[in-house]
Amino acid sequence: MDRDDPDLEKVRIKLDRIAEDEEISVVAIGDIDLSACSGVHVMETSELEYIIADRKVSAGKDGTAIHFKVGSQAKEAAAVLAVTALSVTDTMGCRIQDTARAVSNMKAEAELNRKLLKESTRIILSDPQKQTAGGTEIVSAIIPGGDRALMSEAAESVKSEGNVAVFVSSGESVSVMLASGNKSADCRVILSETLKRFGGRGGGKPDFAQGGVPSGDPGEIMDALRKAVSDALS
């Protein structure tokens, strides 16, 4: 095609990469794609030896880019993909031809677990423990695998009412969320000093802080935090 060809606007092309006096070769894939040809030309496809599509990525809205390699690079990529596939099937305990289905099942199960954890978090937060110190209410709850978004939302609600929220989420590690609507209870100080005793750490602001402990008894950590908050308010 020539540069002044009106149909050139239908072609995916970067004219700045093509010399002024160079003919524009266009590769057509049916009515799916028209693209200006670029790169190395071969006399026969046998020169490629080997070709493999090794990556698929998003390319803008509703677009997909397929990355591929040829020749020795394709063989190296195939070897890496083969090792990765064998490692995945070994970890999952399934045959390689069943991998896609197994991953799909795991994804569905993980999504269901997320929904169940979110619902359990909502239920526990609807009936937290409450105590009063210095005229301020301390709202606390231990939430196994707690949904952080819901915990944060509940903590902000407690804070907005001038009270203090102490939420502990237990799992492989223990995470803590502290929010205070009373300046007497400095979340950053309380969290840092308390978690340090359990080998953990935390940080944030005076009215909201978060932290964690690699391992420990959630009940003991909660008791220590409630006492520290109570002492600060008193």
C-alpha atoms as a PDB file:
ATOM      1  CA  MET A   1       0.000   0.000   0.000  1.00  0.00           C
ATOM      2  CA  ASP A   2       1.068   3.592  -0.601  1.00  0.00           C
ATOM      3  CA  ARG A   3       1.159   6.208   2.136  1.00  0.00           C
ATOM      4  CA  ASP A   4      -1.649   8.147   0.450  1.00  0.00           C
ATOM      5  CA  ASP A   5      -3.920   5.092   0.155  1.00  0.00           C
ATOM      6  CA  PRO A   6      -7.238   6.043   1.859  1.00  0.00           C
ATOM      7  CA  ASP A   7      -7.621   2.436   3.113  1.00  0.00           C
ATOM      8  CA  LEU A   8      -4.467   2.841   5.168  1.00  0.00           C
ATOM      9  CA  GLU A   9      -6.596   4.218   8.019  1.00  0.00           C
ATOM     10  CA  LYS A  10      -8.004   0.701   8.486  1.00  0.00           C
ATOM     11  CA  VAL A  11      -4.524  -0.683   9.113  1.00  0.00           C
ATOM     12  CA  ARG A  12      -2.766  -0.974  12.471  1.00  0.00           C
ATOM     13  CA  ILE A  13       0.400   0.888  11.678  1.00  0.00           C
ATOM     14  CA  LYS A  14       3.110   3.163  13.085  1.00  0.00           C
ATOM     15  CA  LEU A  15       4.244   5.195  10.112  1.00  0.00           C
ATOM     16  CA  ASP A  16       7.167   6.718  11.978  1.00  0.00           C
ATOM     17  CA  ARG A  17       8.808   3.284  11.918  1.00  0.00           C
ATOM     18  CA  ILE A  18       8.575   2.995   8.139  1.00  0.00           C
ATOM     19  CA  ALA A  19      10.942   4.899   5.832  1.00  0.00           C
ATOM     20  CA  GLU A  20       9.361   7.426   3.453  1.00  0.00           C
ATOM     21  CA  ASP A  21      10.488   5.542   0.348  1.00  0.00           C
ATOM     22  CA  GLU A  22       9.660   2.107   1.715  1.00  0.00           C
ATOM     23  CA  GLU A  23       6.653   0.165   0.452  1.00  0.00           C
ATOM     24  CA  ILE A  24       4.082  -0.610   3.113  1.00  0.00           C
ATOM     25  CA  SER A  25       3.374  -4.345   3.300  1.00  0.00           C
ATOM     26  CA  VAL A  26       0.112  -5.265   4.991  1.00  0.00           C
ATOM     27  CA  VAL A  27      -0.755  -8.596   6.570  1.00  0.00           C
ATOM     28  CA  ALA A  28      -4.464  -9.415   6.408  1.00  0.00           C
ATOM     29  CA  ILE A  29      -6.112 -12.033   8.590  1.00  0.00           C
ATOM     30  CA  GLY A  30      -9.533 -12.288   6.979  1.00  0.00           C
ATOM     31  CA  ASP A  31     -11.677  -9.399   8.155  1.00  0.00           C
ATOM     32  CA  ILE A  32     -10.289  -9.753  11.697  1.00  0.00           C
ATOM     33  CA  ASP A  33      -7.123  -7.741  11.437  1.00  0.00           C
ATOM     34  CA  LEU A  34      -5.075  -5.586   9.070  1.00  0.00           C
ATOM     35  CA  SER A  35      -1.573  -4.847  10.271  1.00  0.00           C
ATOM     36  CA  ALA A  36       1.473  -3.265   8.688  1.00  0.00           C
ATOM     37  CA  CYS A  37       4.157  -5.912   8.440  1.00  0.00           C
ATOM     38  CA  SER A  38       7.313  -5.296  10.449  1.00  0.00           C
ATOM     39  CA  GLY A  39      10.267  -7.364  11.497  1.00  0.00           C
ATOM     40  CA  VAL A  40      12.329 -10.068   9.835  1.00  0.00           C
ATOM     41  CA  HIS A  41      10.999 -11.823   6.737  1.00  0.00           C
ATOM     42  CA  VAL A  42      11.691 -15.485   6.005  1.00  0.00           C
ATOM     43  CA  MET A  43      11.714 -17.273   2.681  1.00  0.00           C
ATOM     44  CA  GLU A  44       9.973 -20.355   4.119  1.00  0.00           C
ATOM     45  CA  THR A  45       8.076 -20.987   7.349  1.00  0.00           C
ATOM     46  CA  SER A  46      10.472 -23.877   8.006  1.00  0.00           C
ATOM     47  CA  GLU A  47      13.050 -21.240   8.906  1.00  0.00           C
ATOM     48  CA  LEU A  48      11.020 -20.510  12.032  1.00  0.00           C
ATOM     49  CA  GLU A  49      11.621 -24.097  13.223  1.00  0.00           C
ATOM     50  CA  TYR A  50       9.314 -23.678  16.181  1.00  0.00           C
ATOM     51  CA  ILE A  51       6.680 -21.187  17.316  1.00  0.00           C
ATOM     52  CA  ILE A  52       4.817 -20.927  20.611  1.00  0.00           C
ATOM     53  CA  ALA A  53       2.333 -18.461  22.089  1.00  0.00           C
ATOM     54  CA  ASP A  54       3.601 -17.998  25.639  1.00  0.00           C
ATOM     55  CA  ARG A  55       1.666 -15.056  27.041  1.00  0.00           C
ATOM     56  CA  LYS A  56      -1.743 -13.392  26.778  1.00  0.00           C
ATOM     57  CA  VAL A  57      -2.275  -9.913  28.205  1.00  0.00           C
ATOM     58  CA  SER A  58      -4.880  -7.180  28.157  1.00  0.00           C
ATOM     59  CA  ALA A  59      -4.453  -4.619  25.385  1.00  0.00           C
ATOM     60  CA  GLY A  60      -6.843  -1.813  26.197  1.00  0.00           C
ATOM     61  CA  LYS A  61     -10.599  -1.993  26.316  1.00  0.00           C
ATOM     62  CA  ASP A  62     -11.889  -5.299  24.916  1.00  0.00           C
ATOM     63  CA  GLY A  63      -8.444  -6.025  23.475  1.00  0.00           C
ATOM     64  CA  THR A  64      -6.039  -8.917  23.930  1.00  0.00           C
ATOM     65  CA  ALA A  65      -2.385  -9.151  22.942  1.00  0.00           C
ATOM     66  CA  ILE A  66      -0.881 -12.556  22.219  1.00  0.00           C
ATOM     67  CA  HIS A  67       2.894 -12.760  22.706  1.00  0.00           C
ATOM     68  CA  PHE A  68       4.862 -15.465  20.939  1.00  0.00           C
ATOM     69  CA  LYS A  69       8.407 -16.652  20.387  1.00  0.00           C
ATOM     70  CA  VAL A  70      10.061 -18.483  17.517  1.00  0.00           C
ATOM     71  CA  GLY A  71      13.114 -20.658  16.975  1.00  0.00           C
ATOM     72  CA  SER A  72      15.442 -21.349  19.907  1.00  0.00           C
ATOM     73  CA  GLN A  73      13.634 -18.806  22.110  1.00  0.00           C
ATOM     74  CA  ALA A  74      10.377 -20.691  21.523  1.00  0.00           C
ATOM     75  CA  LYS A  75      11.989 -23.962  22.574  1.00  0.00           C
ATOM     76  CA  GLU A  76      13.332 -22.380  25.755  1.00  0.00           C
ATOM     77  CA  ALA A  77       9.906 -20.885  26.519  1.00  0.00           C
ATOM     78  CA  ALA A  78       8.239 -24.277  25.922  1.00  0.00           C
ATOM     79  CA  ALA A  79      10.647 -25.943  28.356  1.00  0.00           C
ATOM     80  CA  VAL A  80       9.906 -23.327  31.038  1.00  0.00           C
ATOM     81  CA  LEU A  81       6.145 -23.697  30.524  1.00  0.00           C
ATOM     82  CA  ALA A  82       6.429 -27.500  30.705  1.00  0.00           C
ATOM     83  CA  VAL A  83       8.327 -27.378  34.006  1.00  0.00           C
ATOM     84  CA  THR A  84       5.811 -24.871  35.400  1.00  0.00           C
ATOM     85  CA  ALA A  85       2.866 -27.034  34.299  1.00  0.00           C
ATOM     86  CA  LEU A  86       4.381 -30.151  35.909  1.00  0.00           C
ATOM     87  CA  SER A  87       5.038 -28.224  39.128  1.00  0.00           C
ATOM     88  CA  VAL A  88       1.434 -26.981  39.209  1.00  0.00           C
ATOM     89  CA  THR A  89      -0.066 -30.428  38.591  1.00  0.00           C
ATOM     90  CA  ASP A  90       2.219 -31.940  41.237  1.00  0.00           C
ATOM     91  CA  THR A  91       1.127 -29.329  43.775  1.00  0.00           C
ATOM     92  CA  MET A  92      -2.551 -29.766  42.907  1.00  0.00           C
ATOM     93  CA  GLY A  93      -2.354 -33.548  42.660  1.00  0.00           C
ATOM     94  CA  CYS A  94      -4.087 -33.793  39.305  1.00  0.00           C
ATOM     95  CA  ARG A  95      -3.300 -34.925  35.790  1.00  0.00           C
ATOM     96  CA  ILE A  96      -1.976 -32.257  33.457  1.00  0.00           C
ATOM     97  CA  GLN A  97      -5.032 -32.536  31.189  1.00  0.00           C
ATOM     98  CA  ASP A  98      -7.268 -31.837  34.203  1.00  0.00           C
ATOM     99  CA  THR A  99      -5.380 -28.726  35.338  1.00  0.00           C
ATOM    100  CA  ALA A 100      -7.735 -26.137  33.816  1.00  0.00           C
ATOM    101  CA  ARG A 101     -10.784 -27.767  35.393  1.00  0.00           C
ATOM    102  CA  ALA A 102      -9.024 -28.179  38.759  1.00  0.00           C
ATOM    103  CA  VAL A 103      -8.006 -24.511  38.796  1.00  0.00           C
ATOM    104  CA  SER A 104     -11.547 -23.486  37.876  1.00  0.00           C
ATOM    105  CA  ASN A 105     -12.924 -25.553  40.764  1.00  0.00           C
ATOM    106  CA  MET A 106     -10.395 -24.046  43.179  1.00  0.00           C
ATOM    107  CA  LYS A 107     -11.294 -20.540  42.009  1.00  0.00           C
ATOM    108  CA  ALA A 108     -15.001 -21.224  42.581  1.00  0.00           C
ATOM    109  CA  GLU A 109     -14.268 -22.681  46.026  1.00  0.00           C
ATOM    110  CA  ALA A 110     -12.104 -19.709  46.985  1.00  0.00           C
ATOM    111  CA  GLU A 111     -14.860 -17.304  45.923  1.00  0.00           C
ATOM    112  CA  LEU A 112     -17.394 -19.234  48.018  1.00  0.00           C
ATOM    113  CA  ASN A 113     -15.054 -19.126  51.024  1.00  0.00           C
ATOM    114  CA  ARG A 114     -14.640 -15.364  50.610  1.00  0.00           C
ATOM    115  CA  LYS A 115     -18.409 -14.935  50.624  1.00  0.00           C
ATOM    116  CA  LEU A 116     -18.777 -17.145  53.718  1.00  0.00           C
ATOM    117  CA  LEU A 117     -16.020 -15.252  55.569  1.00  0.00           C
ATOM    118  CA  LYS A 118     -17.659 -11.959  54.656  1.00  0.00           C
ATOM    119  CA  GLU A 119     -21.006 -13.176  55.974  1.00  0.00           C
ATOM    120  CA  SER A 120     -19.460 -14.539  59.195  1.00  0.00           C
ATOM    121  CA  THR A 121     -17.666 -11.203  59.689  1.00  0.00           C
ATOM    122  CA  ARG A 122     -20.956  -9.360  59.275  1.00  0.00           C
ATOM    123  CA  ILE A 123     -22.685 -11.653  61.811  1.00  0.00           C
ATOM    124  CA  ILE A 124     -19.915 -11.313  64.441  1.00  0.00           C
ATOM    125  CA  LEU A 125     -19.756  -7.526  64.052  1.00  0.00           C
ATOM    126  CA  SER A 126     -23.513  -7.279  64.524  1.00  0.00           C
ATOM    127  CA  ASP A 127     -23.151  -8.490  68.122  1.00  0.00           C
ATOM    128  CA  PRO A 128     -19.731  -7.366  69.480  1.00  0.00           C
ATOM    129  CA  GLN A 129     -18.615  -7.280  73.102  1.00  0.00           C
ATOM    130  CA  LYS A 130     -19.038  -3.931  74.826  1.00  0.00           C
ATOM    131  CA  GLN A 131     -17.647  -2.396  77.968  1.00  0.00           C
ATOM    132  CA  THR A 132     -17.344   1.137  79.272  1.00  0.00           C
ATOM    133  CA  ALA A 133     -14.302   2.968  80.589  1.00  0.00           C
ATOM    134  CA  GLY A 134     -14.246   6.640  81.549  1.00  0.00           C
ATOM    135  CA  GLY A 135     -17.664   7.136  79.983  1.00  0.00           C
ATOM    136  CA  THR A 136     -16.517   5.802  76.589  1.00  0.00           C
ATOM    137  CA  GLU A 137     -17.711   2.526  75.113  1.00  0.00           C
ATOM    138  CA  ILE A 138     -15.123  -0.039  74.015  1.00  0.00           C
ATOM    139  CA  VAL A 139     -16.508  -2.211  71.209  1.00  0.00           C
ATOM    140  CA  SER A 140     -14.493  -5.366  70.550  1.00  0.00           C
ATOM    141  CA  ALA A 141     -14.668  -8.613  68.593  1.00  0.00           C
ATOM    142  CA  ILE A 142     -12.444 -11.520  67.591  1.00  0.00           C
ATOM    143  CA  ILE A 143     -13.195 -12.437  63.979  1.00  0.00           C
ATOM    144  CA  PRO A 144     -11.615 -15.568  62.443  1.00  0.00           C
ATOM    145  CA  GLY A 145     -10.494 -14.717  58.900  1.00  0.00           C
ATOM    146  CA  GLY A 146     -12.293 -11.380  59.124  1.00  0.00           C
ATOM    147  CA  ASP A 147     -13.161  -9.381  56.014  1.00  0.00           C
ATOM    148  CA  ARG A 148     -10.987  -6.259  56.335  1.00  0.00           C
ATOM    149  CA  ALA A 149     -13.341  -3.986  54.420  1.00  0.00           C
ATOM    150  CA  LEU A 150     -16.254  -4.787  56.746  1.00  0.00           C
ATOM    151  CA  MET A 151     -14.033  -4.518  59.819  1.00  0.00           C
ATOM    152  CA  SER A 152     -12.772  -1.106  58.709  1.00  0.00           C
ATOM    153  CA  GLU A 153     -16.313   0.084  57.997  1.00  0.00           C
ATOM    154  CA  ALA A 154     -17.483  -1.034  61.457  1.00  0.00           C
ATOM    155  CA  ALA A 155     -14.442   0.522  63.150  1.00  0.00           C
ATOM    156  CA  GLU A 156     -15.074   3.875  61.461  1.00  0.00           C
ATOM    157  CA  SER A 157     -18.710   3.732  62.576  1.00  0.00           C
ATOM    158  CA  VAL A 158     -17.707   3.139  66.206  1.00  0.00           C
ATOM    159  CA  LYS A 159     -15.147   5.946  66.005  1.00  0.00           C
ATOM    160  CA  SER A 160     -17.681   8.385  64.579  1.00  0.00           C
ATOM    161  CA  GLU A 161     -19.800   7.899  67.713  1.00  0.00           C
ATOM    162  CA  GLY A 162     -16.883   8.897  69.952  1.00  0.00           C
ATOM    163  CA  ASN A 163     -16.179   5.341  71.063  1.00  0.00           C
ATOM    164  CA  VAL A 164     -13.269   2.900  70.606  1.00  0.00           C
ATOM    165  CA  ALA A 165     -13.221  -0.202  68.407  1.00  0.00           C
ATOM    166  CA  VAL A 166     -10.838  -3.114  68.988  1.00  0.00           C
ATOM    167  CA  PHE A 167     -11.029  -5.825  66.324  1.00  0.00           C
ATOM    168  CA  VAL A 168      -8.776  -8.867  66.158  1.00  0.00           C
ATOM    169  CA  SER A 169      -8.725 -11.130  63.110  1.00  0.00           C
ATOM    170  CA  SER A 170      -7.192 -14.580  63.523  1.00  0.00           C
ATOM    171  CA  GLY A 171      -5.777 -16.824  60.828  1.00  0.00           C
ATOM    172  CA  GLU A 172      -2.257 -17.920  59.936  1.00  0.00           C
ATOM    173  CA  SER A 173      -1.243 -14.760  61.779  1.00  0.00           C
ATOM    174  CA  VAL A 174      -3.133 -12.346  64.021  1.00  0.00           C
ATOM    175  CA  SER A 175      -4.052  -8.909  62.689  1.00  0.00           C
ATOM    176  CA  VAL A 176      -5.436  -6.050  64.756  1.00  0.00           C
ATOM    177  CA  MET A 177      -7.493  -2.973  63.930  1.00  0.00           C
ATOM    178  CA  LEU A 178      -7.963  -0.140  66.405  1.00  0.00           C
ATOM    179  CA  ALA A 179     -10.113   2.988  65.937  1.00  0.00           C
ATOM    180  CA  SER A 180     -10.761   5.702  68.483  1.00  0.00           C
ATOM    181  CA  GLY A 181     -13.159   8.622  68.642  1.00  0.00           C
ATOM    182  CA  ASN A 182     -11.713   9.687  72.007  1.00  0.00           C
ATOM    183  CA  LYS A 183      -8.378  11.545  72.006  1.00  0.00           C
ATOM    184  CA  SER A 184      -7.456   9.953  75.328  1.00  0.00           C
ATOM    185  CA  ALA A 185      -7.017   6.611  73.543  1.00  0.00           C
ATOM    186  CA  ASP A 186      -4.178   7.051  71.067  1.00  0.00           C
ATOM    187  CA  CYS A 187      -4.452   4.062  68.720  1.00  0.00           C
ATOM    188  CA  ARG A 188      -0.918   4.371  67.396  1.00  0.00           C
ATOM    189  CA  VAL A 189       0.657   4.342  70.872  1.00  0.00           C
ATOM    190  CA  ILE A 190      -1.614   1.637  72.311  1.00  0.00           C
ATOM    191  CA  LEU A 191      -1.187  -0.691  69.362  1.00  0.00           C
ATOM    192  CA  SER A 192       2.567  -0.283  69.092  1.00  0.00           C
ATOM    193  CA  GLU A 193       3.250  -0.789  72.794  1.00  0.00           C
ATOM    194  CA  THR A 194       0.822  -3.690  73.218  1.00  0.00           C
ATOM    195  CA  LEU A 195       1.775  -5.694  70.132  1.00  0.00           C
ATOM    196  CA  LYS A 196       5.463  -5.316  70.936  1.00  0.00           C
ATOM    197  CA  ARG A 197       4.889  -7.577  73.954  1.00  0.00           C
ATOM    198  CA  PHE A 198       3.678 -10.323  71.627  1.00  0.00           C
ATOM    199  CA  GLY A 199       6.453  -9.964  69.064  1.00  0.00           C
ATOM    200  CA  GLY A 200       4.324  -7.934  66.687  1.00  0.00           C
ATOM    201  CA  ARG A 201       4.174  -4.373  65.495  1.00  0.00           C
ATOM    202  CA  GLY A 202       1.725  -1.810  64.201  1.00  0.00           C
ATOM    203  CA  GLY A 203       1.309   1.765  63.117  1.00  0.00           C
ATOM    204  CA  GLY A 204      -1.105   4.361  61.864  1.00  0.00           C
ATOM    205  CA  LYS A 205      -2.697   7.487  63.247  1.00  0.00           C
ATOM    206  CA  PRO A 206      -3.957   8.422  66.724  1.00  0.00           C
ATOM    207  CA  ASP A 207      -7.551   7.733  65.646  1.00  0.00           C
ATOM    208  CA  PHE A 208      -6.902   4.636  63.517  1.00  0.00           C
ATOM    209  CA  ALA A 209      -4.108   2.064  63.524  1.00  0.00           C
ATOM    210  CA  GLN A 210      -3.449  -1.454  62.307  1.00  0.00           C
ATOM    211  CA  GLY A 211      -0.877  -4.093  63.104  1.00  0.00           C
ATOM    212  CA  GLY A 212      -0.159  -7.773  63.375  1.00  0.00           C
ATOM    213  CA  VAL A 213       1.490 -10.577  65.286  1.00  0.00           C
ATOM    214  CA  PRO A 214       3.131 -13.530  63.467  1.00  0.00           C
ATOM    215  CA  SER A 215       1.603 -15.991  65.920  1.00  0.00           C
ATOM    216  CA  GLY A 216      -0.166 -15.832  69.249  1.00  0.00           C
ATOM    217  CA  ASP A 217      -3.402 -16.371  71.155  1.00  0.00           C
ATOM    218  CA  PRO A 218      -6.052 -13.959  69.786  1.00  0.00           C
ATOM    219  CA  GLY A 219      -7.797 -13.992  73.167  1.00  0.00           C
ATOM    220  CA  GLU A 220      -4.680 -12.922  75.071  1.00  0.00           C
ATOM    221  CA  ILE A 221      -3.949 -10.194  72.542  1.00  0.00           C
ATOM    222  CA  MET A 222      -7.530  -8.933  72.747  1.00  0.00           C
ATOM    223  CA  ASP A 223      -7.439  -8.881  76.579  1.00  0.00           C
ATOM    224  CA  ALA A 224      -4.185  -6.898  76.515  1.00  0.00           C
ATOM    225  CA  LEU A 225      -5.569  -4.383  74.018  1.00  0.00           C
ATOM    226  CA  ARG A 226      -8.824  -3.907  75.912  1.00  0.00           C
ATOM    227  CA  LYS A 227      -6.896  -3.313  79.147  1.00  0.00           C
ATOM    228  CA  ALA A 228      -4.586  -0.803  77.448  1.00  0.00           C
ATOM    229  CA  VAL A 229      -7.557   1.086  75.973  1.00  0.00           C
ATOM    230  CA  SER A 230      -9.400   0.995  79.304  1.00  0.00           C
ATOM    231  CA  ASP A 231      -6.362   2.334  81.164  1.00  0.00           C
ATOM    232  CA  ALA A 232      -5.967   5.162  78.638  1.00  0.00           C
ATOM    233  CA  LEU A 233      -9.628   6.159  78.944  1.00  0.00           C
ATOM    234  CA  SER A 234      -9.599   5.994  82.712  1.00  0.00           C
END
